[in-house]
Protein backbone atom coordinates (compact mmCIF):
# COMPACT_ATOMS: atom_id res chain seq x y z
CA MET A 1 10.73 -32.33 2.27
CA THR A 2 10.87 -30.78 -1.20
CA ARG A 3 10.40 -27.08 -1.85
CA HIS A 4 7.29 -27.92 -3.87
CA THR A 5 5.79 -29.74 -0.89
CA ILE A 6 6.64 -26.74 1.28
CA ARG A 7 4.92 -24.39 -1.20
CA ARG A 8 1.85 -26.62 -1.27
CA ILE A 9 1.62 -26.55 2.52
CA VAL A 10 2.27 -22.79 2.56
CA PHE A 11 -0.66 -22.37 0.17
CA GLN A 12 -2.91 -24.43 2.46
CA ILE A 13 -1.84 -22.50 5.54
CA LEU A 14 -2.32 -19.11 3.84
CA PHE A 15 -5.74 -20.24 2.61
CA ALA A 16 -6.72 -21.09 6.18
CA LEU A 17 -5.32 -17.79 7.48
CA GLU A 18 -7.45 -15.88 4.94
CA SER A 19 -10.53 -17.44 6.50
CA ASN A 20 -9.39 -17.20 10.11
CA SER A 21 -6.41 -15.06 11.06
CA GLU A 22 -6.32 -16.80 14.46
CA THR A 23 -5.43 -20.14 12.88
CA ASN A 24 -2.64 -21.90 14.77
CA ILE A 25 -0.01 -22.46 12.07
CA ALA A 26 1.85 -25.20 13.94
CA GLU A 27 -1.33 -27.20 14.57
CA LEU A 28 -2.44 -26.78 10.97
CA TYR A 29 0.99 -27.88 9.74
CA THR A 30 0.76 -31.05 11.86
CA GLN A 31 -2.76 -31.72 10.57
CA ILE A 32 -1.71 -31.29 6.93
CA GLN A 33 1.31 -33.54 7.48
CA SER A 34 -0.80 -36.29 9.05
CA GLU A 35 -3.34 -36.11 6.21
CA ASP A 36 -0.53 -36.31 3.64
CA LYS A 37 1.20 -39.03 5.68
CA THR A 38 4.55 -37.31 5.12
CA ASN A 39 7.14 -36.74 7.83
CA VAL A 40 4.54 -36.41 10.58
CA ASP A 41 7.20 -36.09 13.25
CA ALA A 42 9.29 -33.59 11.31
CA GLU A 43 9.58 -30.04 12.59
CA MET A 44 8.13 -27.27 10.51
CA PRO A 45 10.76 -26.35 7.90
CA VAL A 46 12.35 -22.93 8.28
CA TYR A 47 11.55 -22.09 4.64
CA LEU A 48 7.87 -22.83 5.22
CA THR A 49 7.73 -20.44 8.16
CA LYS A 50 9.66 -17.85 6.20
CA LEU A 51 7.20 -18.00 3.27
CA VAL A 52 4.08 -17.88 5.44
CA GLU A 53 5.39 -14.94 7.47
CA GLY A 54 6.83 -13.15 4.43
CA VAL A 55 3.71 -13.41 2.27
CA SER A 56 1.54 -12.37 5.23
CA ALA A 57 3.75 -9.39 6.10
CA LYS A 58 4.01 -8.15 2.52
CA LYS A 59 0.42 -8.87 1.49
CA GLU A 60 -0.45 -5.26 0.62
CA GLU A 61 2.74 -4.76 -1.39
CA LEU A 62 2.18 -8.04 -3.24
CA ASP A 63 -1.42 -7.06 -3.99
CA GLN A 64 -0.21 -3.75 -5.45
CA VAL A 65 2.17 -5.63 -7.76
CA ILE A 66 -0.63 -7.99 -8.80
CA THR A 67 -3.04 -5.10 -9.41
CA ALA A 68 -0.47 -3.34 -11.59
CA HIS A 69 -0.25 -6.42 -13.83
CA LEU A 70 -3.93 -7.20 -14.23
CA SER A 71 -5.73 -6.27 -17.42
CA SER A 72 -8.12 -3.34 -17.19
CA LYS A 73 -11.18 -5.61 -16.91
CA TRP A 74 -9.85 -7.22 -13.71
CA SER A 75 -9.49 -5.98 -10.18
CA ILE A 76 -7.92 -7.77 -7.26
CA SER A 77 -11.33 -8.10 -5.61
CA ARG A 78 -12.55 -10.15 -8.61
CA LEU A 79 -9.80 -12.75 -8.28
CA ASN A 80 -10.69 -15.99 -6.62
CA LYS A 81 -8.84 -16.64 -3.37
CA THR A 82 -6.91 -19.59 -4.80
CA ASP A 83 -5.44 -17.62 -7.72
CA LEU A 84 -4.65 -14.65 -5.50
CA LEU A 85 -2.75 -16.77 -2.97
CA ILE A 86 -0.79 -18.57 -5.68
CA LEU A 87 0.17 -15.21 -7.22
CA ARG A 88 1.21 -13.82 -3.83
CA ILE A 89 3.47 -16.80 -3.13
CA ALA A 90 5.10 -16.67 -6.58
CA ILE A 91 5.68 -12.92 -6.52
CA TYR A 92 6.99 -13.03 -2.97
CA GLU A 93 9.50 -15.70 -3.89
CA ALA A 94 10.56 -13.96 -7.10
CA LYS A 95 10.95 -10.59 -5.39
CA PHE A 96 12.17 -11.34 -1.90
CA GLU A 97 13.79 -14.78 -1.81
CA ASP A 98 17.40 -15.00 -2.94
CA GLY A 99 18.12 -18.15 -4.84
CA VAL A 100 14.65 -18.55 -6.34
CA PRO A 101 14.83 -17.67 -10.04
CA GLU A 102 11.73 -16.05 -11.51
CA LYS A 103 11.18 -19.02 -13.84
CA VAL A 104 11.14 -21.37 -10.86
CA ALA A 105 8.60 -19.17 -9.06
CA VAL A 106 6.40 -19.17 -12.19
CA ASN A 107 6.70 -22.93 -12.71
CA GLU A 108 5.88 -23.61 -9.07
CA ALA A 109 2.84 -21.30 -9.28
CA LEU A 110 1.63 -23.22 -12.32
CA GLN A 111 2.11 -26.51 -10.46
CA LEU A 112 0.08 -25.20 -7.52
CA SER A 113 -2.66 -24.08 -9.90
CA LYS A 114 -2.75 -27.60 -11.37
CA GLU A 115 -3.26 -28.99 -7.87
CA PHE A 116 -5.70 -26.42 -6.47
CA SER A 117 -7.36 -24.72 -9.43
CA ASP A 118 -8.25 -25.32 -13.07
CA GLU A 119 -6.84 -24.80 -16.57
CA LYS A 120 -8.43 -21.37 -16.97
CA SER A 121 -6.85 -20.19 -13.72
CA ARG A 122 -3.49 -21.65 -14.71
CA ARG A 123 -3.52 -19.65 -17.95
CA PHE A 124 -4.53 -16.53 -16.03
CA ILE A 125 -1.76 -16.96 -13.43
CA ASN A 126 0.78 -17.60 -16.18
CA GLY A 127 -0.33 -14.42 -17.97
CA VAL A 128 -0.04 -12.21 -14.90
CA LEU A 129 3.36 -13.59 -13.93
CA SER A 130 4.64 -13.41 -17.51
CA ASN A 131 3.59 -9.75 -17.71
CA LEU A 132 5.43 -9.07 -14.47
CA ILE A 133 8.64 -10.76 -15.60
CA THR A 134 8.56 -9.18 -19.07
CA GLU A 135 8.10 -5.71 -17.56
CA LYS A 136 10.86 -6.29 -15.04
CA ASN A 137 13.27 -7.50 -17.72
CA ASP A 138 12.40 -4.55 -19.99
CA THR A 139 13.30 -2.05 -17.27
CA GLN A 140 16.66 -3.64 -16.49
């Protein structure tokens, strides 16, 4: 299973968890796999579990980072759930996952936005993540 497929499934699982924190991740994973008709018998990848647990555990910290990089006319409560989850995944990977370059995290976020959102959201996500990376590189 590719990392992109893992990220897509992570997004779907996190979306479900936002609606119902009691969601059974293993059952949802199996359901998503059967709908996608990909590796139905395969065990849940370790990286998938790591992303779901990591993004969930660091949600408040990730939201603080996002808030700090929004323009003054935006607040985190105004973001649609899709954009917010995509940003959380990208920032988590860029900040906490060794071996995931920032550019890869940004590109993957843009791919997810193509699949689950629209062009306006993709530009917005790109802007927020670009601001984050530019600021980080300026301080190094």
